[in-house]
Amino acid sequence: MNFESSTAILGASCGKDIDANCLGVNLDPVRLKECLARNQDVVSPQCKADYARAFDAIQKRVAARAAVGKACERDKPKFCGDPESSAASFPDCLLKTRGVSAKCVQAVREAGYR
């Protein structure tokens, strides 16, 4: 599940609960999840059902994006030049290049870049 889908689920299922119980909470996933958990006795059943799944998907995507650097540490300098170059451009470079390792390709997919 991508970030957009996760936030759409949260907005649809938990928007009213967030407005009522978490007003002023930074929309940081950890803080928002903590707020909803703290207020679970007044959170709607639909929100309870969906927020854990949406936050889990967000955390998995964040972890997968962090893992790309490690999985692609050999491919990045080989195919994309300077390893210190812009982090934003290197997934695009790897996606457009043939010969990238299977481990790197899998990490890029899991991170949602493809």
PDB file of N, CA and C in Angstrom:
ATOM      1  N   MET A   1       0.856  -1.167   0.000  1.00  0.00           N
ATOM      2  CA  MET A   1       0.000   0.000   0.000  1.00  0.00           C
ATOM      3  C   MET A   1       0.904   1.232   0.000  1.00  0.00           C
ATOM      4  N   ASN A   2       0.621   2.179  -0.858  1.00  0.00           N
ATOM      5  CA  ASN A   2       1.448   3.371  -0.927  1.00  0.00           C
ATOM      6  C   ASN A   2       0.996   4.417   0.098  1.00  0.00           C
ATOM      7  N   PHE A   3       1.807   5.470   0.239  1.00  0.00           N
ATOM      8  CA  PHE A   3       1.498   6.520   1.205  1.00  0.00           C
ATOM      9  C   PHE A   3       0.143   7.158   0.927  1.00  0.00           C
ATOM     10  N   GLU A   4      -0.137   7.387  -0.338  1.00  0.00           N
ATOM     11  CA  GLU A   4      -1.384   8.045  -0.706  1.00  0.00           C
ATOM     12  C   GLU A   4      -2.596   7.211  -0.308  1.00  0.00           C
ATOM     13  N   SER A   5      -2.535   5.908  -0.553  1.00  0.00           N
ATOM     14  CA  SER A   5      -3.641   5.021  -0.180  1.00  0.00           C
ATOM     15  C   SER A   5      -3.825   4.987   1.325  1.00  0.00           C
ATOM     16  N   SER A   6      -2.709   4.928   2.045  1.00  0.00           N
ATOM     17  CA  SER A   6      -2.776   4.891   3.510  1.00  0.00           C
ATOM     18  C   SER A   6      -3.412   6.157   4.070  1.00  0.00           C
ATOM     19  N   THR A   7      -2.994   7.300   3.555  1.00  0.00           N
ATOM     20  CA  THR A   7      -3.562   8.549   4.064  1.00  0.00           C
ATOM     21  C   THR A   7      -5.013   8.716   3.630  1.00  0.00           C
ATOM     22  N   ALA A   8      -5.371   8.188   2.470  1.00  0.00           N
ATOM     23  CA  ALA A   8      -6.767   8.242   2.035  1.00  0.00           C
ATOM     24  C   ALA A   8      -7.652   7.417   2.969  1.00  0.00           C
ATOM     25  N   ILE A   9      -7.162   6.249   3.367  1.00  0.00           N
ATOM     26  CA  ILE A   9      -7.905   5.414   4.317  1.00  0.00           C
ATOM     27  C   ILE A   9      -8.069   6.159   5.639  1.00  0.00           C
ATOM     28  N   LEU A  10      -6.980   6.742   6.114  1.00  0.00           N
ATOM     29  CA  LEU A  10      -7.059   7.493   7.376  1.00  0.00           C
ATOM     30  C   LEU A  10      -8.038   8.657   7.272  1.00  0.00           C
ATOM     31  N   GLY A  11      -7.971   9.380   6.175  1.00  0.00           N
ATOM     32  CA  GLY A  11      -8.878  10.514   6.005  1.00  0.00           C
ATOM     33  C   GLY A  11     -10.335  10.093   5.972  1.00  0.00           C
ATOM     34  N   ALA A  12     -10.607   9.027   5.225  1.00  0.00           N
ATOM     35  CA  ALA A  12     -11.990   8.566   5.089  1.00  0.00           C
ATOM     36  C   ALA A  12     -12.512   7.943   6.383  1.00  0.00           C
ATOM     37  N   SER A  13     -11.709   7.116   7.011  1.00  0.00           N
ATOM     38  CA  SER A  13     -12.170   6.383   8.194  1.00  0.00           C
ATOM     39  C   SER A  13     -12.005   7.153   9.494  1.00  0.00           C
ATOM     40  N   CYS A  14     -11.000   7.992   9.567  1.00  0.00           N
ATOM     41  CA  CYS A  14     -10.645   8.609  10.844  1.00  0.00           C
ATOM     42  C   CYS A  14     -10.690  10.131  10.853  1.00  0.00           C
ATOM     43  N   GLY A  15     -11.050  10.744   9.744  1.00  0.00           N
ATOM     44  CA  GLY A  15     -11.033  12.196   9.675  1.00  0.00           C
ATOM     45  C   GLY A  15     -11.800  12.871  10.795  1.00  0.00           C
ATOM     46  N   LYS A  16     -13.018  12.434  11.037  1.00  0.00           N
ATOM     47  CA  LYS A  16     -13.833  13.041  12.094  1.00  0.00           C
ATOM     48  C   LYS A  16     -13.245  12.759  13.467  1.00  0.00           C
ATOM     49  N   ASP A  17     -12.713  11.545  13.651  1.00  0.00           N
ATOM     50  CA  ASP A  17     -12.097  11.187  14.931  1.00  0.00           C
ATOM     51  C   ASP A  17     -10.836  11.998  15.185  1.00  0.00           C
ATOM     52  N   ILE A  18     -10.064  12.229  14.141  1.00  0.00           N
ATOM     53  CA  ILE A  18      -8.850  13.041  14.272  1.00  0.00           C
ATOM     54  C   ILE A  18      -9.228  14.477  14.622  1.00  0.00           C
ATOM     55  N   ASP A  19     -10.224  15.018  13.920  1.00  0.00           N
ATOM     56  CA  ASP A  19     -10.668  16.388  14.213  1.00  0.00           C
ATOM     57  C   ASP A  19     -11.185  16.509  15.646  1.00  0.00           C
ATOM     58  N   ALA A  20     -11.924  15.510  16.101  1.00  0.00           N
ATOM     59  CA  ALA A  20     -12.540  15.576  17.423  1.00  0.00           C
ATOM     60  C   ALA A  20     -11.560  15.287  18.560  1.00  0.00           C
ATOM     61  N   ASN A  21     -10.591  14.412  18.332  1.00  0.00           N
ATOM     62  CA  ASN A  21      -9.754  13.937  19.427  1.00  0.00           C
ATOM     63  C   ASN A  21      -8.268  14.265  19.315  1.00  0.00           C
ATOM     64  N   CYS A  22      -7.832  14.621  18.138  1.00  0.00           N
ATOM     65  CA  CYS A  22      -6.396  14.823  17.927  1.00  0.00           C
ATOM     66  C   CYS A  22      -6.095  16.184  17.316  1.00  0.00           C
ATOM     67  N   LEU A  23      -6.983  17.118  17.497  1.00  0.00           N
ATOM     68  CA  LEU A  23      -6.785  18.457  16.956  1.00  0.00           C
ATOM     69  C   LEU A  23      -5.486  19.041  17.500  1.00  0.00           C
ATOM     70  N   GLY A  24      -4.668  19.538  16.623  1.00  0.00           N
ATOM     71  CA  GLY A  24      -3.406  20.126  17.037  1.00  0.00           C
ATOM     72  C   GLY A  24      -2.248  19.143  17.050  1.00  0.00           C
ATOM     73  N   VAL A  25      -2.524  17.858  16.860  1.00  0.00           N
ATOM     74  CA  VAL A  25      -1.461  16.860  16.817  1.00  0.00           C
ATOM     75  C   VAL A  25      -0.803  16.934  15.451  1.00  0.00           C
ATOM     76  N   ASN A  26       0.493  16.991  15.453  1.00  0.00           N
ATOM     77  CA  ASN A  26       1.257  16.984  14.212  1.00  0.00           C
ATOM     78  C   ASN A  26       0.854  15.751  13.402  1.00  0.00           C
ATOM     79  N   LEU A  27       0.731  15.885  12.097  1.00  0.00           N
ATOM     80  CA  LEU A  27       0.319  14.755  11.270  1.00  0.00           C
ATOM     81  C   LEU A  27       1.457  13.761  11.029  1.00  0.00           C
ATOM     82  N   ASP A  28       2.351  13.686  11.955  1.00  0.00           N
ATOM     83  CA  ASP A  28       3.403  12.688  11.988  1.00  0.00           C
ATOM     84  C   ASP A  28       2.727  11.336  12.268  1.00  0.00           C
ATOM     85  N   PRO A  29       3.026  10.291  11.501  1.00  0.00           N
ATOM     86  CA  PRO A  29       2.349   9.006  11.703  1.00  0.00           C
ATOM     87  C   PRO A  29       2.435   8.466  13.127  1.00  0.00           C
ATOM     88  N   VAL A  30       3.580   8.600  13.768  1.00  0.00           N
ATOM     89  CA  VAL A  30       3.734   8.060  15.120  1.00  0.00           C
ATOM     90  C   VAL A  30       2.850   8.812  16.105  1.00  0.00           C
ATOM     91  N   ARG A  31       2.884  10.131  16.052  1.00  0.00           N
ATOM     92  CA  ARG A  31       2.076  10.925  16.994  1.00  0.00           C
ATOM     93  C   ARG A  31       0.586  10.756  16.749  1.00  0.00           C
ATOM     94  N   LEU A  32       0.194  10.679  15.500  1.00  0.00           N
ATOM     95  CA  LEU A  32      -1.217  10.503  15.183  1.00  0.00           C
ATOM     96  C   LEU A  32      -1.702   9.128  15.637  1.00  0.00           C
ATOM     97  N   LYS A  33      -0.889   8.117  15.410  1.00  0.00           N
ATOM     98  CA  LYS A  33      -1.251   6.760  15.855  1.00  0.00           C
ATOM     99  C   LYS A  33      -1.373   6.722  17.377  1.00  0.00           C
ATOM    100  N   GLU A  34      -0.439   7.366  18.081  1.00  0.00           N
ATOM    101  CA  GLU A  34      -0.493   7.419  19.543  1.00  0.00           C
ATOM    102  C   GLU A  34      -1.756   8.123  20.017  1.00  0.00           C
ATOM    103  N   CYS A  35      -2.118   9.214  19.356  1.00  0.00           N
ATOM    104  CA  CYS A  35      -3.318   9.945  19.734  1.00  0.00           C
ATOM    105  C   CYS A  35      -4.567   9.089  19.553  1.00  0.00           C
ATOM    106  N   LEU A  36      -4.661   8.422  18.406  1.00  0.00           N
ATOM    107  CA  LEU A  36      -5.831   7.574  18.168  1.00  0.00           C
ATOM    108  C   LEU A  36      -5.871   6.408  19.154  1.00  0.00           C
ATOM    109  N   ALA A  37      -4.724   5.843  19.476  1.00  0.00           N
ATOM    110  CA  ALA A  37      -4.676   4.747  20.450  1.00  0.00           C
ATOM    111  C   ALA A  37      -5.084   5.242  21.841  1.00  0.00           C
ATOM    112  N   ARG A  38      -4.605   6.423  22.209  1.00  0.00           N
ATOM    113  CA  ARG A  38      -4.949   7.010  23.510  1.00  0.00           C
ATOM    114  C   ARG A  38      -6.450   7.258  23.627  1.00  0.00           C
ATOM    115  N   ASN A  39      -7.074   7.563  22.520  1.00  0.00           N
ATOM    116  CA  ASN A  39      -8.505   7.900  22.516  1.00  0.00           C
ATOM    117  C   ASN A  39      -9.369   6.774  21.963  1.00  0.00           C
ATOM    118  N   GLN A  40      -8.861   5.559  21.993  1.00  0.00           N
ATOM    119  CA  GLN A  40      -9.581   4.454  21.351  1.00  0.00           C
ATOM    120  C   GLN A  40     -10.974   4.200  21.933  1.00  0.00           C
ATOM    121  N   ASP A  41     -11.209   4.618  23.156  1.00  0.00           N
ATOM    122  CA  ASP A  41     -12.532   4.421  23.739  1.00  0.00           C
ATOM    123  C   ASP A  41     -13.603   5.302  23.098  1.00  0.00           C
ATOM    124  N   VAL A  42     -13.200   6.384  22.417  1.00  0.00           N
ATOM    125  CA  VAL A  42     -14.166   7.255  21.758  1.00  0.00           C
ATOM    126  C   VAL A  42     -13.997   7.296  20.238  1.00  0.00           C
ATOM    127  N   VAL A  43     -13.039   6.547  19.720  1.00  0.00           N
ATOM    128  CA  VAL A  43     -12.800   6.497  18.278  1.00  0.00           C
ATOM    129  C   VAL A  43     -13.828   5.558  17.640  1.00  0.00           C
ATOM    130  N   SER A  44     -14.298   5.923  16.461  1.00  0.00           N
ATOM    131  CA  SER A  44     -15.323   5.128  15.769  1.00  0.00           C
ATOM    132  C   SER A  44     -14.809   3.722  15.440  1.00  0.00           C
ATOM    133  N   PRO A  45     -15.723   2.764  15.364  1.00  0.00           N
ATOM    134  CA  PRO A  45     -15.320   1.392  15.023  1.00  0.00           C
ATOM    135  C   PRO A  45     -14.610   1.296  13.661  1.00  0.00           C
ATOM    136  N   GLN A  46     -15.065   2.087  12.688  1.00  0.00           N
ATOM    137  CA  GLN A  46     -14.427   2.051  11.361  1.00  0.00           C
ATOM    138  C   GLN A  46     -12.985   2.537  11.441  1.00  0.00           C
ATOM    139  N   CYS A  47     -12.768   3.598  12.191  1.00  0.00           N
ATOM    140  CA  CYS A  47     -11.414   4.123  12.351  1.00  0.00           C
ATOM    141  C   CYS A  47     -10.535   3.102  13.061  1.00  0.00           C
ATOM    142  N   LYS A  48     -11.046   2.489  14.124  1.00  0.00           N
ATOM    143  CA  LYS A  48     -10.280   1.460  14.837  1.00  0.00           C
ATOM    144  C   LYS A  48      -9.876   0.336  13.901  1.00  0.00           C
ATOM    145  N   ALA A  49     -10.787  -0.052  13.029  1.00  0.00           N
ATOM    146  CA  ALA A  49     -10.513  -1.150  12.106  1.00  0.00           C
ATOM    147  C   ALA A  49      -9.461  -0.783  11.069  1.00  0.00           C
ATOM    148  N   ASP A  50      -9.454   0.475  10.658  1.00  0.00           N
ATOM    149  CA  ASP A  50      -8.576   0.878   9.554  1.00  0.00           C
ATOM    150  C   ASP A  50      -7.249   1.509   9.962  1.00  0.00           C
ATOM    151  N   TYR A  51      -7.195   2.186  11.110  1.00  0.00           N
ATOM    152  CA  TYR A  51      -5.979   2.951  11.378  1.00  0.00           C
ATOM    153  C   TYR A  51      -4.764   2.071  11.610  1.00  0.00           C
ATOM    154  N   ALA A  52      -4.932   0.926  12.257  1.00  0.00           N
ATOM    155  CA  ALA A  52      -3.778   0.048  12.480  1.00  0.00           C
ATOM    156  C   ALA A  52      -3.222  -0.450  11.147  1.00  0.00           C
ATOM    157  N   ARG A  53      -4.097  -0.811  10.244  1.00  0.00           N
ATOM    158  CA  ARG A  53      -3.667  -1.298   8.924  1.00  0.00           C
ATOM    159  C   ARG A  53      -2.975  -0.196   8.128  1.00  0.00           C
ATOM    160  N   ALA A  54      -3.523   1.000   8.164  1.00  0.00           N
ATOM    161  CA  ALA A  54      -2.926   2.111   7.422  1.00  0.00           C
ATOM    162  C   ALA A  54      -1.565   2.499   7.996  1.00  0.00           C
ATOM    163  N   PHE A  55      -1.460   2.585   9.316  1.00  0.00           N
ATOM    164  CA  PHE A  55      -0.180   2.942   9.924  1.00  0.00           C
ATOM    165  C   PHE A  55       0.863   1.851   9.718  1.00  0.00           C
ATOM    166  N   ASP A  56       0.433   0.603   9.749  1.00  0.00           N
ATOM    167  CA  ASP A  56       1.362  -0.496   9.488  1.00  0.00           C
ATOM    168  C   ASP A  56       1.923  -0.387   8.070  1.00  0.00           C
ATOM    169  N   ALA A  57       1.072  -0.085   7.125  1.00  0.00           N
ATOM    170  CA  ALA A  57       1.523   0.080   5.733  1.00  0.00           C
ATOM    171  C   ALA A  57       2.499   1.248   5.606  1.00  0.00           C
ATOM    172  N   ILE A  58       2.232   2.344   6.303  1.00  0.00           N
ATOM    173  CA  ILE A  58       3.137   3.502   6.273  1.00  0.00           C
ATOM    174  C   ILE A  58       4.491   3.117   6.850  1.00  0.00           C
ATOM    175  N   GLN A  59       4.500   2.427   7.982  1.00  0.00           N
ATOM    176  CA  GLN A  59       5.764   2.032   8.605  1.00  0.00           C
ATOM    177  C   GLN A  59       6.549   1.073   7.714  1.00  0.00           C
ATOM    178  N   LYS A  60       5.864   0.157   7.061  1.00  0.00           N
ATOM    179  CA  LYS A  60       6.547  -0.773   6.152  1.00  0.00           C
ATOM    180  C   LYS A  60       7.165  -0.028   4.981  1.00  0.00           C
ATOM    181  N   ARG A  61       6.459   0.952   4.452  1.00  0.00           N
ATOM    182  CA  ARG A  61       6.986   1.728   3.322  1.00  0.00           C
ATOM    183  C   ARG A  61       8.193   2.553   3.747  1.00  0.00           C
ATOM    184  N   VAL A  62       8.135   3.148   4.935  1.00  0.00           N
ATOM    185  CA  VAL A  62       9.269   3.929   5.445  1.00  0.00           C
ATOM    186  C   VAL A  62      10.481   3.021   5.624  1.00  0.00           C
ATOM    187  N   ALA A  63      10.282   1.850   6.195  1.00  0.00           N
ATOM    188  CA  ALA A  63      11.386   0.900   6.394  1.00  0.00           C
ATOM    189  C   ALA A  63      11.949   0.439   5.052  1.00  0.00           C
ATOM    190  N   ALA A  64      11.072   0.197   4.097  1.00  0.00           N
ATOM    191  CA  ALA A  64      11.520  -0.242   2.774  1.00  0.00           C
ATOM    192  C   ALA A  64      12.335   0.854   2.092  1.00  0.00           C
ATOM    193  N   ARG A  65      11.938   2.090   2.235  1.00  0.00           N
ATOM    194  CA  ARG A  65      12.707   3.190   1.626  1.00  0.00           C
ATOM    195  C   ARG A  65      14.066   3.329   2.282  1.00  0.00           C
ATOM    196  N   ALA A  66      14.126   3.101   3.578  1.00  0.00           N
ATOM    197  CA  ALA A  66      15.416   3.156   4.273  1.00  0.00           C
ATOM    198  C   ALA A  66      16.322   2.017   3.819  1.00  0.00           C
ATOM    199  N   ALA A  67      15.740   0.875   3.481  1.00  0.00           N
ATOM    200  CA  ALA A  67      16.519  -0.300   3.072  1.00  0.00           C
ATOM    201  C   ALA A  67      17.080  -0.197   1.661  1.00  0.00           C
ATOM    202  N   VAL A  68      16.539   0.677   0.845  1.00  0.00           N
ATOM    203  CA  VAL A  68      17.005   0.813  -0.537  1.00  0.00           C
ATOM    204  C   VAL A  68      18.485   1.169  -0.581  1.00  0.00           C
ATOM    205  N   GLY A  69      18.898   2.091   0.256  1.00  0.00           N
ATOM    206  CA  GLY A  69      20.300   2.508   0.268  1.00  0.00           C
ATOM    207  C   GLY A  69      21.242   1.342   0.507  1.00  0.00           C
ATOM    208  N   LYS A  70      20.916   0.486   1.453  1.00  0.00           N
ATOM    209  CA  LYS A  70      21.756  -0.665   1.770  1.00  0.00           C
ATOM    210  C   LYS A  70      21.701  -1.697   0.643  1.00  0.00           C
ATOM    211  N   ALA A  71      20.511  -1.981   0.148  1.00  0.00           N
ATOM    212  CA  ALA A  71      20.352  -2.997  -0.899  1.00  0.00           C
ATOM    213  C   ALA A  71      21.003  -2.573  -2.208  1.00  0.00           C
ATOM    214  N   CYS A  72      21.103  -1.291  -2.427  1.00  0.00           N
ATOM    215  CA  CYS A  72      21.624  -0.777  -3.699  1.00  0.00           C
ATOM    216  C   CYS A  72      22.988  -0.112  -3.558  1.00  0.00           C
ATOM    217  N   GLU A  73      23.671  -0.346  -2.444  1.00  0.00           N
ATOM    218  CA  GLU A  73      24.930   0.360  -2.199  1.00  0.00           C
ATOM    219  C   GLU A  73      25.997   0.081  -3.248  1.00  0.00           C
ATOM    220  N   ARG A  74      25.965  -1.081  -3.889  1.00  0.00           N
ATOM    221  CA  ARG A  74      26.934  -1.384  -4.949  1.00  0.00           C
ATOM    222  C   ARG A  74      26.443  -0.910  -6.316  1.00  0.00           C
ATOM    223  N   ASP A  75      25.147  -0.971  -6.521  1.00  0.00           N
ATOM    224  CA  ASP A  75      24.582  -0.577  -7.811  1.00  0.00           C
ATOM    225  C   ASP A  75      24.581   0.939  -8.013  1.00  0.00           C
ATOM    226  N   LYS A  76      24.338   1.680  -6.955  1.00  0.00           N
ATOM    227  CA  LYS A  76      24.228   3.141  -7.082  1.00  0.00           C
ATOM    228  C   LYS A  76      25.491   3.753  -7.681  1.00  0.00           C
ATOM    229  N   PRO A  77      26.688   3.515  -7.123  1.00  0.00           N
ATOM    230  CA  PRO A  77      27.871   4.145  -7.736  1.00  0.00           C
ATOM    231  C   PRO A  77      28.211   3.565  -9.113  1.00  0.00           C
ATOM    232  N   LYS A  78      27.899   2.297  -9.300  1.00  0.00           N
ATOM    233  CA  LYS A  78      28.215   1.643 -10.576  1.00  0.00           C
ATOM    234  C   LYS A  78      27.365   2.203 -11.719  1.00  0.00           C
ATOM    235  N   PHE A  79      26.088   2.415 -11.459  1.00  0.00           N
ATOM    236  CA  PHE A  79      25.167   2.837 -12.517  1.00  0.00           C
ATOM    237  C   PHE A  79      24.757   4.306 -12.454  1.00  0.00           C
ATOM    238  N   CYS A  80      24.896   4.921 -11.296  1.00  0.00           N
ATOM    239  CA  CYS A  80      24.362   6.275 -11.130  1.00  0.00           C
ATOM    240  C   CYS A  80      25.423   7.300 -10.760  1.00  0.00           C
ATOM    241  N   GLY A  81      26.661   6.936 -10.807  1.00  0.00           N
ATOM    242  CA  GLY A  81      27.730   7.899 -10.542  1.00  0.00           C
ATOM    243  C   GLY A  81      28.037   8.067  -9.081  1.00  0.00           C
ATOM    244  N   ASP A  82      28.343   9.266  -8.696  1.00  0.00           N
ATOM    245  CA  ASP A  82      28.790   9.609  -7.348  1.00  0.00           C
ATOM    246  C   ASP A  82      27.814   9.110  -6.286  1.00  0.00           C
ATOM    247  N   PRO A  83      28.278   8.272  -5.340  1.00  0.00           N
ATOM    248  CA  PRO A  83      27.387   7.767  -4.294  1.00  0.00           C
ATOM    249  C   PRO A  83      26.836   8.862  -3.380  1.00  0.00           C
ATOM    250  N   GLU A  84      27.466  10.028  -3.387  1.00  0.00           N
ATOM    251  CA  GLU A  84      26.998  11.139  -2.561  1.00  0.00           C
ATOM    252  C   GLU A  84      26.037  12.052  -3.314  1.00  0.00           C
ATOM    253  N   SER A  85      25.702  11.699  -4.563  1.00  0.00           N
ATOM    254  CA  SER A  85      24.795  12.547  -5.342  1.00  0.00           C
ATOM    255  C   SER A  85      23.396  12.521  -4.745  1.00  0.00           C
ATOM    256  N   SER A  86      22.538  13.326  -5.262  1.00  0.00           N
ATOM    257  CA  SER A  86      21.189  13.497  -4.733  1.00  0.00           C
ATOM    258  C   SER A  86      20.473  12.177  -4.499  1.00  0.00           C
ATOM    259  N   ALA A  87      20.012  11.989  -3.276  1.00  0.00           N
ATOM    260  CA  ALA A  87      19.276  10.777  -2.926  1.00  0.00           C
ATOM    261  C   ALA A  87      17.963  10.687  -3.691  1.00  0.00           C
ATOM    262  N   ALA A  88      17.387  11.811  -4.032  1.00  0.00           N
ATOM    263  CA  ALA A  88      16.109  11.823  -4.736  1.00  0.00           C
ATOM    264  C   ALA A  88      16.239  11.294  -6.155  1.00  0.00           C
ATOM    265  N   SER A  89      17.384  11.493  -6.785  1.00  0.00           N
ATOM    266  CA  SER A  89      17.521  11.086  -8.177  1.00  0.00           C
ATOM    267  C   SER A  89      17.991   9.649  -8.351  1.00  0.00           C
ATOM    268  N   PHE A  90      18.583   9.054  -7.326  1.00  0.00           N
ATOM    269  CA  PHE A  90      19.136   7.732  -7.539  1.00  0.00           C
ATOM    270  C   PHE A  90      18.100   6.638  -7.750  1.00  0.00           C
ATOM    271  N   PRO A  91      16.916   6.639  -7.128  1.00  0.00           N
ATOM    272  CA  PRO A  91      15.943   5.605  -7.494  1.00  0.00           C
ATOM    273  C   PRO A  91      15.535   5.687  -8.968  1.00  0.00           C
ATOM    274  N   ASP A  92      15.366   6.910  -9.469  1.00  0.00           N
ATOM    275  CA  ASP A  92      15.027   7.077 -10.883  1.00  0.00           C
ATOM    276  C   ASP A  92      16.122   6.517 -11.771  1.00  0.00           C
ATOM    277  N   CYS A  93      17.368   6.801 -11.427  1.00  0.00           N
ATOM    278  CA  CYS A  93      18.498   6.294 -12.190  1.00  0.00           C
ATOM    279  C   CYS A  93      18.477   4.769 -12.223  1.00  0.00           C
ATOM    280  N   LEU A  94      18.262   4.158 -11.060  1.00  0.00           N
ATOM    281  CA  LEU A  94      18.260   2.690 -10.989  1.00  0.00           C
ATOM    282  C   LEU A  94      17.094   2.082 -11.762  1.00  0.00           C
ATOM    283  N   LEU A  95      15.962   2.767 -11.763  1.00  0.00           N
ATOM    284  CA  LEU A  95      14.793   2.253 -12.478  1.00  0.00           C
ATOM    285  C   LEU A  95      14.995   2.282 -13.986  1.00  0.00           C
ATOM    286  N   LYS A  96      15.800   3.206 -14.465  1.00  0.00           N
ATOM    287  CA  LYS A  96      16.003   3.370 -15.908  1.00  0.00           C
ATOM    288  C   LYS A  96      17.192   2.562 -16.429  1.00  0.00           C
ATOM    289  N   THR A  97      17.896   1.865 -15.546  1.00  0.00           N
ATOM    290  CA  THR A  97      19.139   1.213 -15.915  1.00  0.00           C
ATOM    291  C   THR A  97      18.987  -0.303 -15.958  1.00  0.00           C
ATOM    292  N   ARG A  98      19.512  -0.892 -17.002  1.00  0.00           N
ATOM    293  CA  ARG A  98      19.527  -2.351 -17.106  1.00  0.00           C
ATOM    294  C   ARG A  98      20.770  -2.873 -16.390  1.00  0.00           C
ATOM    295  N   GLY A  99      20.675  -4.064 -15.817  1.00  0.00           N
ATOM    296  CA  GLY A  99      21.814  -4.687 -15.173  1.00  0.00           C
ATOM    297  C   GLY A  99      21.886  -4.467 -13.675  1.00  0.00           C
ATOM    298  N   VAL A 100      20.906  -3.771 -13.107  1.00  0.00           N
ATOM    299  CA  VAL A 100      20.862  -3.546 -11.665  1.00  0.00           C
ATOM    300  C   VAL A 100      20.564  -4.888 -10.986  1.00  0.00           C
ATOM    301  N   SER A 101      21.193  -5.140  -9.855  1.00  0.00           N
ATOM    302  CA  SER A 101      21.033  -6.419  -9.161  1.00  0.00           C
ATOM    303  C   SER A 101      19.572  -6.682  -8.780  1.00  0.00           C
ATOM    304  N   ALA A 102      19.219  -7.946  -8.707  1.00  0.00           N
ATOM    305  CA  ALA A 102      17.853  -8.342  -8.345  1.00  0.00           C
ATOM    306  C   ALA A 102      17.506  -7.854  -6.939  1.00  0.00           C
ATOM    307  N   LYS A 103      18.471  -7.897  -6.039  1.00  0.00           N
ATOM    308  CA  LYS A 103      18.250  -7.439  -4.659  1.00  0.00           C
ATOM    309  C   LYS A 103      17.883  -5.952  -4.647  1.00  0.00           C
ATOM    310  N   CYS A 104      18.581  -5.167  -5.432  1.00  0.00           N
ATOM    311  CA  CYS A 104      18.309  -3.732  -5.507  1.00  0.00           C
ATOM    312  C   CYS A 104      16.949  -3.475  -6.158  1.00  0.00           C
ATOM    313  N   VAL A 105      16.658  -4.159  -7.240  1.00  0.00           N
ATOM    314  CA  VAL A 105      15.376  -3.995  -7.930  1.00  0.00           C
ATOM    315  C   VAL A 105      14.216  -4.313  -6.979  1.00  0.00           C
ATOM    316  N   GLN A 106      14.356  -5.399  -6.211  1.00  0.00           N
ATOM    317  CA  GLN A 106      13.313  -5.778  -5.255  1.00  0.00           C
ATOM    318  C   GLN A 106      13.132  -4.692  -4.183  1.00  0.00           C
ATOM    319  N   ALA A 107      14.242  -4.174  -3.681  1.00  0.00           N
ATOM    320  CA  ALA A 107      14.169  -3.124  -2.661  1.00  0.00           C
ATOM    321  C   ALA A 107      13.487  -1.866  -3.205  1.00  0.00           C
ATOM    322  N   VAL A 108      13.816  -1.513  -4.443  1.00  0.00           N
ATOM    323  CA  VAL A 108      13.201  -0.345  -5.082  1.00  0.00           C
ATOM    324  C   VAL A 108      11.697  -0.556  -5.244  1.00  0.00           C
ATOM    325  N   ARG A 109      11.297  -1.752  -5.622  1.00  0.00           N
ATOM    326  CA  ARG A 109       9.861  -2.057  -5.759  1.00  0.00           C
ATOM    327  C   ARG A 109       9.150  -1.977  -4.413  1.00  0.00           C
ATOM    328  N   GLU A 110       9.743  -2.609  -3.391  1.00  0.00           N
ATOM    329  CA  GLU A 110       9.118  -2.610  -2.067  1.00  0.00           C
ATOM    330  C   GLU A 110       9.000  -1.203  -1.493  1.00  0.00           C
ATOM    331  N   ALA A 111       9.914  -0.345  -1.893  1.00  0.00           N
ATOM    332  CA  ALA A 111       9.888   1.040  -1.418  1.00  0.00           C
ATOM    333  C   ALA A 111       8.870   1.885  -2.161  1.00  0.00           C
ATOM    334  N   GLY A 112       8.302   1.331  -3.226  1.00  0.00           N
ATOM    335  CA  GLY A 112       7.261   2.038  -3.960  1.00  0.00           C
ATOM    336  C   GLY A 112       7.754   2.991  -5.017  1.00  0.00           C
ATOM    337  N   TYR A 113       9.013   2.886  -5.373  1.00  0.00           N
ATOM    338  CA  TYR A 113       9.531   3.770  -6.419  1.00  0.00           C
ATOM    339  C   TYR A 113       9.110   3.315  -7.808  1.00  0.00           C
ATOM    340  N   ARG A 114       8.763   2.068  -7.942  1.00  0.00           N
ATOM    341  CA  ARG A 114       8.370   1.532  -9.248  1.00  0.00           C
ATOM    342  C   ARG A 114       6.880   1.335  -9.255  1.00  0.00           C
TER     343      ARG A 114
END
